[in-house]
Each structure stands twice: as structure tokens, then as C-alpha cells.
Protein backbone atom coordinates (compact mmCIF):
# COMPACT_ATOMS: atom_id res chain seq x y z
CA UNK A 1 125.59 71.41 139.14
CA UNK A 2 128.65 69.93 141.02
CA UNK A 3 130.90 68.33 138.60
CA UNK A 4 134.03 66.21 140.18
CA UNK A 5 136.33 64.02 139.31
CA UNK A 6 135.42 64.07 135.30
CA UNK A 7 137.97 63.33 132.86
CA UNK A 8 136.62 65.40 129.80
CA UNK A 9 137.86 64.98 125.78
CA UNK A 10 138.19 68.52 124.11
CA UNK A 11 138.44 68.30 120.87
CA UNK A 12 136.65 68.52 117.26
CA UNK A 13 134.10 66.58 116.27
CA UNK A 14 136.02 65.47 113.29
CA UNK A 15 138.55 62.98 113.27
CA UNK A 16 142.18 64.18 111.66
CA UNK A 17 144.74 62.42 110.72
CA UNK A 18 148.90 63.35 111.36
CA UNK A 19 148.93 63.49 107.58
CA UNK A 20 146.23 65.25 107.16
CA UNK A 21 147.08 67.78 109.86
CA UNK A 22 150.98 68.11 107.65
CA UNK A 23 148.87 68.63 104.78
CA UNK A 24 146.68 71.61 105.95
CA UNK A 25 150.13 73.42 107.21
CA UNK A 26 151.87 72.85 104.02
CA UNK A 27 148.78 74.75 102.30
CA UNK A 28 148.19 77.04 104.71
CA UNK A 29 151.84 78.64 105.02
CA UNK A 30 153.23 76.86 101.86
CA UNK A 31 155.79 74.79 102.93
CA UNK A 32 157.78 72.28 102.26
CA UNK A 33 157.32 69.26 104.84
CA UNK A 34 158.96 66.29 104.74
CA UNK A 35 156.75 63.91 106.60
CA UNK A 36 158.80 60.50 107.71
CA UNK A 37 156.83 57.27 108.91
CA UNK A 38 158.08 55.41 111.16
CA UNK A 39 157.03 52.21 112.17
CA UNK A 40 153.70 52.22 113.34
CA UNK A 41 152.53 51.22 117.03
CA UNK A 42 150.42 48.39 117.08
CA UNK A 43 148.59 49.18 119.83
CA UNK A 44 147.32 52.49 118.16
CA UNK A 45 145.88 53.04 114.84
CA UNK A 46 143.05 55.51 115.31
CA UNK A 47 142.45 58.30 117.94
CA UNK A 48 139.42 60.03 118.43
CA UNK A 49 137.79 62.19 121.33
CA UNK A 50 134.64 61.44 122.67
CA UNK A 51 133.60 65.32 123.27
CA UNK A 52 130.07 63.92 124.19
CA UNK A 53 130.35 64.68 127.80
CA UNK A 54 131.93 67.90 127.61
CA UNK A 55 129.20 69.17 125.58
CA UNK A 56 126.24 67.68 127.95
CA UNK A 57 127.88 68.06 131.20
CA UNK A 58 129.63 71.35 130.45
CA UNK A 59 127.20 72.78 127.48
CA UNK A 60 130.65 73.09 125.64
CA UNK A 61 131.00 73.09 121.68
CA UNK A 62 133.97 73.44 119.37
CA UNK A 63 134.13 76.62 117.94
CA UNK A 64 137.47 77.17 116.39
CA UNK A 65 138.16 74.91 113.10
CA UNK A 66 141.09 72.69 112.38
CA UNK A 67 142.63 75.59 109.75
CA UNK A 68 142.05 78.56 112.37
CA UNK A 69 143.22 76.92 114.87
CA UNK A 70 146.72 75.58 113.51
CA UNK A 71 146.98 80.07 111.84
CA UNK A 72 146.84 80.78 116.15
CA UNK A 73 149.05 78.29 117.28
CA UNK A 74 151.91 79.55 115.00
CA UNK A 75 151.00 82.76 115.59
CA UNK A 76 151.15 82.50 119.15
CA UNK A 77 154.53 80.28 119.22
CA UNK A 78 155.98 82.85 116.62
CA UNK A 79 155.46 85.57 119.37
CA UNK A 80 156.73 83.60 121.98
CA UNK A 81 159.90 82.64 119.83
CA UNK A 82 160.60 86.70 119.46
């Protein structure tokens, strides 16, 4: 199967808010994070990636849970800054 000029959304099948993401970081690393809310944009209230095309055409499935992805990202960034 040839796949040309397609855009694939890659993400989890679960929507996560910025507040939820910050809460997870606080919990995982026992960090105090001050969340500062700016004036919300009128155009975008929620964003959720539809991954059905990637699943269908690439036979792709998300494998990494949010908690594991946050930890791996933190470790990766920590190792790059040494």
C-alpha cells in the first residue's frame, strides 16, 4: 500500500487538559507548579487528535501511557542538559 501526501495525527486515545498534564507532572515528580492562566483564545476551546487514520492505514496503536511518556520526556531532557 502506497501512502502519499497524508497527514497522520499521532497521540493517545485519551484527551488530556493542560491542567491535567500539570497535575500529573506535580504528582510524578513531587513538584510545585504554579499554573498561570492567560486569557483563553476564542478560537480553540478543546483539541483532540483523531488517530483513526494512522490506526487504519499504518496499523499503528499508541503504546505509551501519559505517565510513562512524561517520565521518558523528563529523562531525555535531563540527559541532554548535562
